[in-house]
PDB file of N, CA and C in Angstrom:
ATOM      1  N   MET A   1      21.079 -18.116  17.369  1.00  0.00           N
ATOM      2  CA  MET A   1      21.588 -17.505  16.176  1.00  0.00           C
ATOM      3  C   MET A   1      20.882 -16.171  15.967  1.00  0.00           C
ATOM      4  N   ARG A   2      21.649 -15.128  15.669  1.00  0.00           N
ATOM      5  CA  ARG A   2      21.090 -13.797  15.445  1.00  0.00           C
ATOM      6  C   ARG A   2      20.863 -13.577  13.970  1.00  0.00           C
ATOM      7  N   THR A   3      19.814 -12.851  13.673  1.00  0.00           N
ATOM      8  CA  THR A   3      19.556 -12.466  12.291  1.00  0.00           C
ATOM      9  C   THR A   3      19.784 -10.975  12.157  1.00  0.00           C
ATOM     10  N   GLN A   4      20.227 -10.587  10.995  1.00  0.00           N
ATOM     11  CA  GLN A   4      20.486  -9.173  10.731  1.00  0.00           C
ATOM     12  C   GLN A   4      19.188  -8.517  10.282  1.00  0.00           C
ATOM     13  N   THR A   5      18.767  -7.485  11.006  1.00  0.00           N
ATOM     14  CA  THR A   5      17.509  -6.826  10.672  1.00  0.00           C
ATOM     15  C   THR A   5      17.723  -5.512   9.944  1.00  0.00           C
ATOM     16  N   GLN A   6      18.916  -4.978   9.989  1.00  0.00           N
ATOM     17  CA  GLN A   6      19.187  -3.710   9.315  1.00  0.00           C
ATOM     18  C   GLN A   6      20.259  -3.914   8.267  1.00  0.00           C
ATOM     19  N   GLY A   7      20.011  -3.348   7.084  1.00  0.00           N
ATOM     20  CA  GLY A   7      21.000  -3.391   6.023  1.00  0.00           C
ATOM     21  C   GLY A   7      21.927  -2.202   6.109  1.00  0.00           C
ATOM     22  N   SER A   8      22.780  -2.083   5.123  1.00  0.00           N
ATOM     23  CA  SER A   8      23.680  -0.942   5.087  1.00  0.00           C
ATOM     24  C   SER A   8      22.883   0.310   4.734  1.00  0.00           C
ATOM     25  N   PRO A   9      23.369   1.461   5.143  1.00  0.00           N
ATOM     26  CA  PRO A   9      22.658   2.702   4.799  1.00  0.00           C
ATOM     27  C   PRO A   9      22.509   2.896   3.290  1.00  0.00           C
ATOM     28  N   LEU A  10      23.518   2.516   2.529  1.00  0.00           N
ATOM     29  CA  LEU A  10      23.448   2.647   1.078  1.00  0.00           C
ATOM     30  C   LEU A  10      22.409   1.684   0.500  1.00  0.00           C
ATOM     31  N   GLY A  11      22.332   0.481   1.047  1.00  0.00           N
ATOM     32  CA  GLY A  11      21.323  -0.481   0.610  1.00  0.00           C
ATOM     33  C   GLY A  11      19.922  -0.005   0.933  1.00  0.00           C
ATOM     34  N   ASN A  12      19.751   0.583   2.103  1.00  0.00           N
ATOM     35  CA  ASN A  12      18.440   1.125   2.484  1.00  0.00           C
ATOM     36  C   ASN A  12      18.043   2.274   1.570  1.00  0.00           C
ATOM     37  N   LEU A  13      19.014   3.097   1.198  1.00  0.00           N
ATOM     38  CA  LEU A  13      18.743   4.212   0.291  1.00  0.00           C
ATOM     39  C   LEU A  13      18.314   3.695  -1.080  1.00  0.00           C
ATOM     40  N   ALA A  14      18.923   2.626  -1.546  1.00  0.00           N
ATOM     41  CA  ALA A  14      18.551   2.043  -2.842  1.00  0.00           C
ATOM     42  C   ALA A  14      17.129   1.496  -2.795  1.00  0.00           C
ATOM     43  N   ILE A  15      16.748   0.882  -1.692  1.00  0.00           N
ATOM     44  CA  ILE A  15      15.384   0.356  -1.546  1.00  0.00           C
ATOM     45  C   ILE A  15      14.377   1.497  -1.534  1.00  0.00           C
ATOM     46  N   ILE A  16      14.685   2.539  -0.791  1.00  0.00           N
ATOM     47  CA  ILE A  16      13.785   3.697  -0.723  1.00  0.00           C
ATOM     48  C   ILE A  16      13.662   4.354  -2.091  1.00  0.00           C
ATOM     49  N   SER A  17      14.761   4.468  -2.797  1.00  0.00           N
ATOM     50  CA  SER A  17      14.740   5.056  -4.136  1.00  0.00           C
ATOM     51  C   SER A  17      13.873   4.228  -5.085  1.00  0.00           C
ATOM     52  N   THR A  18      13.962   2.916  -4.990  1.00  0.00           N
ATOM     53  CA  THR A  18      13.150   2.043  -5.829  1.00  0.00           C
ATOM     54  C   THR A  18      11.674   2.187  -5.479  1.00  0.00           C
ATOM     55  N   LEU A  19      11.363   2.321  -4.193  1.00  0.00           N
ATOM     56  CA  LEU A  19       9.974   2.520  -3.779  1.00  0.00           C
ATOM     57  C   LEU A  19       9.424   3.851  -4.285  1.00  0.00           C
ATOM     58  N   VAL A  20      10.255   4.883  -4.270  1.00  0.00           N
ATOM     59  CA  VAL A  20       9.835   6.185  -4.796  1.00  0.00           C
ATOM     60  C   VAL A  20       9.590   6.084  -6.302  1.00  0.00           C
ATOM     61  N   ASP A  21      10.472   5.379  -7.014  1.00  0.00           N
ATOM     62  CA  ASP A  21      10.265   5.174  -8.451  1.00  0.00           C
ATOM     63  C   ASP A  21       8.959   4.427  -8.708  1.00  0.00           C
ATOM     64  N   ALA A  22       8.651   3.442  -7.865  1.00  0.00           N
ATOM     65  CA  ALA A  22       7.407   2.684  -8.012  1.00  0.00           C
ATOM     66  C   ALA A  22       6.197   3.585  -7.788  1.00  0.00           C
ATOM     67  N   ALA A  23       6.272   4.433  -6.788  1.00  0.00           N
ATOM     68  CA  ALA A  23       5.156   5.348  -6.512  1.00  0.00           C
ATOM     69  C   ALA A  23       4.955   6.321  -7.665  1.00  0.00           C
ATOM     70  N   MET A  24       6.033   6.816  -8.228  1.00  0.00           N
ATOM     71  CA  MET A  24       5.919   7.736  -9.358  1.00  0.00           C
ATOM     72  C   MET A  24       5.353   7.030 -10.588  1.00  0.00           C
ATOM     73  N   ALA A  25       5.747   5.787 -10.813  1.00  0.00           N
ATOM     74  CA  ALA A  25       5.212   5.023 -11.938  1.00  0.00           C
ATOM     75  C   ALA A  25       3.721   4.783 -11.751  1.00  0.00           C
ATOM     76  N   LEU A  26       3.320   4.484 -10.540  1.00  0.00           N
ATOM     77  CA  LEU A  26       1.900   4.276 -10.254  1.00  0.00           C
ATOM     78  C   LEU A  26       1.112   5.559 -10.479  1.00  0.00           C
ATOM     79  N   ARG A  27       1.692   6.670 -10.094  1.00  0.00           N
ATOM     80  CA  ARG A  27       1.030   7.963 -10.284  1.00  0.00           C
ATOM     81  C   ARG A  27       0.862   8.291 -11.763  1.00  0.00           C
ATOM     82  N   ARG A  28       1.833   7.868 -12.588  1.00  0.00           N
ATOM     83  CA  ARG A  28       1.743   8.088 -14.034  1.00  0.00           C
ATOM     84  C   ARG A  28       0.823   7.081 -14.712  1.00  0.00           C
ATOM     85  N   GLY A  29       0.358   6.092 -13.965  1.00  0.00           N
ATOM     86  CA  GLY A  29      -0.529   5.086 -14.541  1.00  0.00           C
ATOM     87  C   GLY A  29       0.194   3.904 -15.157  1.00  0.00           C
ATOM     88  N   GLU A  30       1.482   3.796 -14.914  1.00  0.00           N
ATOM     89  CA  GLU A  30       2.272   2.677 -15.444  1.00  0.00           C
ATOM     90  C   GLU A  30       2.269   1.542 -14.418  1.00  0.00           C
ATOM     91  N   HIS A  31       1.183   0.781 -14.438  1.00  0.00           N
ATOM     92  CA  HIS A  31       1.014  -0.267 -13.427  1.00  0.00           C
ATOM     93  C   HIS A  31       2.055  -1.378 -13.566  1.00  0.00           C
ATOM     94  N   TRP A  32       2.460  -1.683 -14.790  1.00  0.00           N
ATOM     95  CA  TRP A  32       3.466  -2.718 -15.003  1.00  0.00           C
ATOM     96  C   TRP A  32       4.803  -2.309 -14.386  1.00  0.00           C
ATOM     97  N   ALA A  33       5.164  -1.043 -14.558  1.00  0.00           N
ATOM     98  CA  ALA A  33       6.432  -0.552 -14.021  1.00  0.00           C
ATOM     99  C   ALA A  33       6.380  -0.497 -12.494  1.00  0.00           C
ATOM    100  N   ALA A  34       5.245  -0.069 -11.955  1.00  0.00           N
ATOM    101  CA  ALA A  34       5.099  -0.005 -10.501  1.00  0.00           C
ATOM    102  C   ALA A  34       5.203  -1.391  -9.890  1.00  0.00           C
ATOM    103  N   ALA A  35       4.568  -2.385 -10.513  1.00  0.00           N
ATOM    104  CA  ALA A  35       4.630  -3.756  -9.993  1.00  0.00           C
ATOM    105  C   ALA A  35       6.050  -4.305 -10.060  1.00  0.00           C
ATOM    106  N   LEU A  36       6.731  -4.046 -11.171  1.00  0.00           N
ATOM    107  CA  LEU A  36       8.111  -4.508 -11.318  1.00  0.00           C
ATOM    108  C   LEU A  36       9.025  -3.874 -10.269  1.00  0.00           C
ATOM    109  N   LEU A  37       8.858  -2.583 -10.064  1.00  0.00           N
ATOM    110  CA  LEU A  37       9.706  -1.876  -9.109  1.00  0.00           C
ATOM    111  C   LEU A  37       9.398  -2.275  -7.668  1.00  0.00           C
ATOM    112  N   LEU A  38       8.125  -2.507  -7.348  1.00  0.00           N
ATOM    113  CA  LEU A  38       7.788  -2.968  -5.997  1.00  0.00           C
ATOM    114  C   LEU A  38       8.374  -4.343  -5.728  1.00  0.00           C
ATOM    115  N   GLY A  39       8.281  -5.223  -6.714  1.00  0.00           N
ATOM    116  CA  GLY A  39       8.891  -6.543  -6.564  1.00  0.00           C
ATOM    117  C   GLY A  39      10.399  -6.455  -6.405  1.00  0.00           C
ATOM    118  N   ALA A  40      11.016  -5.568  -7.161  1.00  0.00           N
ATOM    119  CA  ALA A  40      12.468  -5.389  -7.060  1.00  0.00           C
ATOM    120  C   ALA A  40      12.860  -4.814  -5.705  1.00  0.00           C
ATOM    121  N   ALA A  41      12.050  -3.905  -5.176  1.00  0.00           N
ATOM    122  CA  ALA A  41      12.350  -3.338  -3.858  1.00  0.00           C
ATOM    123  C   ALA A  41      12.259  -4.414  -2.788  1.00  0.00           C
ATOM    124  N   ALA A  42      11.261  -5.285  -2.897  1.00  0.00           N
ATOM    125  CA  ALA A  42      11.136  -6.378  -1.932  1.00  0.00           C
ATOM    126  C   ALA A  42      12.307  -7.339  -2.052  1.00  0.00           C
ATOM    127  N   LEU A  43      12.719  -7.615  -3.266  1.00  0.00           N
ATOM    128  CA  LEU A  43      13.845  -8.528  -3.482  1.00  0.00           C
ATOM    129  C   LEU A  43      15.172  -7.894  -3.080  1.00  0.00           C
ATOM    130  N   SER A  44      15.238  -6.573  -3.106  1.00  0.00           N
ATOM    131  CA  SER A  44      16.476  -5.876  -2.750  1.00  0.00           C
ATOM    132  C   SER A  44      16.876  -6.087  -1.298  1.00  0.00           C
ATOM    133  N   THR A  45      15.924  -6.471  -0.466  1.00  0.00           N
ATOM    134  CA  THR A  45      16.286  -6.749   0.926  1.00  0.00           C
ATOM    135  C   THR A  45      17.160  -7.987   1.022  1.00  0.00           C
ATOM    136  N   ARG A  46      17.090  -8.866   0.026  1.00  0.00           N
ATOM    137  CA  ARG A  46      17.892 -10.100   0.002  1.00  0.00           C
ATOM    138  C   ARG A  46      19.058 -10.028  -0.976  1.00  0.00           C
ATOM    139  N   VAL A  47      18.820  -9.435  -2.145  1.00  0.00           N
ATOM    140  CA  VAL A  47      19.834  -9.373  -3.204  1.00  0.00           C
ATOM    141  C   VAL A  47      20.124  -7.912  -3.507  1.00  0.00           C
ATOM    142  N   SER A  48      21.301  -7.469  -3.170  1.00  0.00           N
ATOM    143  CA  SER A  48      21.616  -6.055  -3.384  1.00  0.00           C
ATOM    144  C   SER A  48      21.750  -5.751  -4.867  1.00  0.00           C
ATOM    145  N   GLY A  49      21.291  -4.577  -5.243  1.00  0.00           N
ATOM    146  CA  GLY A  49      21.425  -4.120  -6.612  1.00  0.00           C
ATOM    147  C   GLY A  49      20.243  -4.418  -7.509  1.00  0.00           C
ATOM    148  N   VAL A  50      19.308  -5.239  -7.064  1.00  0.00           N
ATOM    149  CA  VAL A  50      18.168  -5.603  -7.900  1.00  0.00           C
ATOM    150  C   VAL A  50      17.299  -4.383  -8.190  1.00  0.00           C
ATOM    151  N   GLY A  51      17.095  -3.538  -7.209  1.00  0.00           N
ATOM    152  CA  GLY A  51      16.271  -2.351  -7.402  1.00  0.00           C
ATOM    153  C   GLY A  51      16.866  -1.399  -8.412  1.00  0.00           C
ATOM    154  N   VAL A  52      18.159  -1.239  -8.363  1.00  0.00           N
ATOM    155  CA  VAL A  52      18.837  -0.341  -9.305  1.00  0.00           C
ATOM    156  C   VAL A  52      18.720  -0.894 -10.724  1.00  0.00           C
ATOM    157  N   VAL A  53      18.922  -2.199 -10.873  1.00  0.00           N
ATOM    158  CA  VAL A  53      18.808  -2.828 -12.188  1.00  0.00           C
ATOM    159  C   VAL A  53      17.385  -2.681 -12.723  1.00  0.00           C
ATOM    160  N   ALA A  54      16.389  -2.883 -11.867  1.00  0.00           N
ATOM    161  CA  ALA A  54      14.990  -2.748 -12.289  1.00  0.00           C
ATOM    162  C   ALA A  54      14.674  -1.311 -12.695  1.00  0.00           C
ATOM    163  N   SER A  55      15.182  -0.342 -11.958  1.00  0.00           N
ATOM    164  CA  SER A  55      14.942   1.060 -12.295  1.00  0.00           C
ATOM    165  C   SER A  55      15.541   1.405 -13.659  1.00  0.00           C
ATOM    166  N   VAL A  56      16.745   0.943 -13.902  1.00  0.00           N
ATOM    167  CA  VAL A  56      17.394   1.198 -15.189  1.00  0.00           C
ATOM    168  C   VAL A  56      16.617   0.512 -16.304  1.00  0.00           C
ATOM    169  N   LEU A  57      16.162  -0.712 -16.065  1.00  0.00           N
ATOM    170  CA  LEU A  57      15.397  -1.443 -17.066  1.00  0.00           C
ATOM    171  C   LEU A  57      14.086  -0.728 -17.407  1.00  0.00           C
ATOM    172  N   VAL A  58      13.396  -0.239 -16.405  1.00  0.00           N
ATOM    173  CA  VAL A  58      12.144   0.484 -16.642  1.00  0.00           C
ATOM    174  C   VAL A  58      12.409   1.755 -17.443  1.00  0.00           C
ATOM    175  N   ARG A  59      13.471   2.463 -17.103  1.00  0.00           N
ATOM    176  CA  ARG A  59      13.788   3.696 -17.838  1.00  0.00           C
ATOM    177  C   ARG A  59      14.134   3.405 -19.295  1.00  0.00           C
ATOM    178  N   LEU A  60      14.857   2.304 -19.544  1.00  0.00           N
ATOM    179  CA  LEU A  60      15.178   1.926 -20.909  1.00  0.00           C
ATOM    180  C   LEU A  60      13.926   1.543 -21.690  1.00  0.00           C
ATOM    181  N   LEU A  61      13.041   0.788 -21.057  1.00  0.00           N
ATOM    182  CA  LEU A  61      11.799   0.389 -21.724  1.00  0.00           C
ATOM    183  C   LEU A  61      10.916   1.590 -22.038  1.00  0.00           C
ATOM    184  N   ARG A  62      10.922   2.582 -21.166  1.00  0.00           N
ATOM    185  CA  ARG A  62      10.154   3.807 -21.438  1.00  0.00           C
ATOM    186  C   ARG A  62      10.711   4.533 -22.660  1.00  0.00           C
ATOM    187  N   ARG A  63      12.024   4.598 -22.773  1.00  0.00           N
ATOM    188  CA  ARG A  63      12.646   5.293 -23.899  1.00  0.00           C
ATOM    189  C   ARG A  63      12.385   4.582 -25.217  1.00  0.00           C
ATOM    190  N   LEU A  64      12.393   3.245 -25.172  1.00  0.00           N
ATOM    191  CA  LEU A  64      12.208   2.483 -26.397  1.00  0.00           C
ATOM    192  C   LEU A  64      10.771   2.470 -26.892  1.00  0.00           C
ATOM    193  N   SER A  65       9.840   2.717 -25.995  1.00  0.00           N
ATOM    194  CA  SER A  65       8.430   2.669 -26.438  1.00  0.00           C
ATOM    195  C   SER A  65       7.887   4.034 -26.780  1.00  0.00           C
TER     196      SER A  65
END
């Protein structure tokens, strides 16, 4: 049985974007946001769209606080 090791290019771009958001959050000192985004990026390899949802959630939480 073969396993798929590469995702779609759009899925890979979403993961990379989430990782960049995590790095920027870490640079700003938002450790909670960086941890959430890193977890979402890891989960995005299995469930598509999780990273995008996490990024939107972090942005909303920043605006509300």
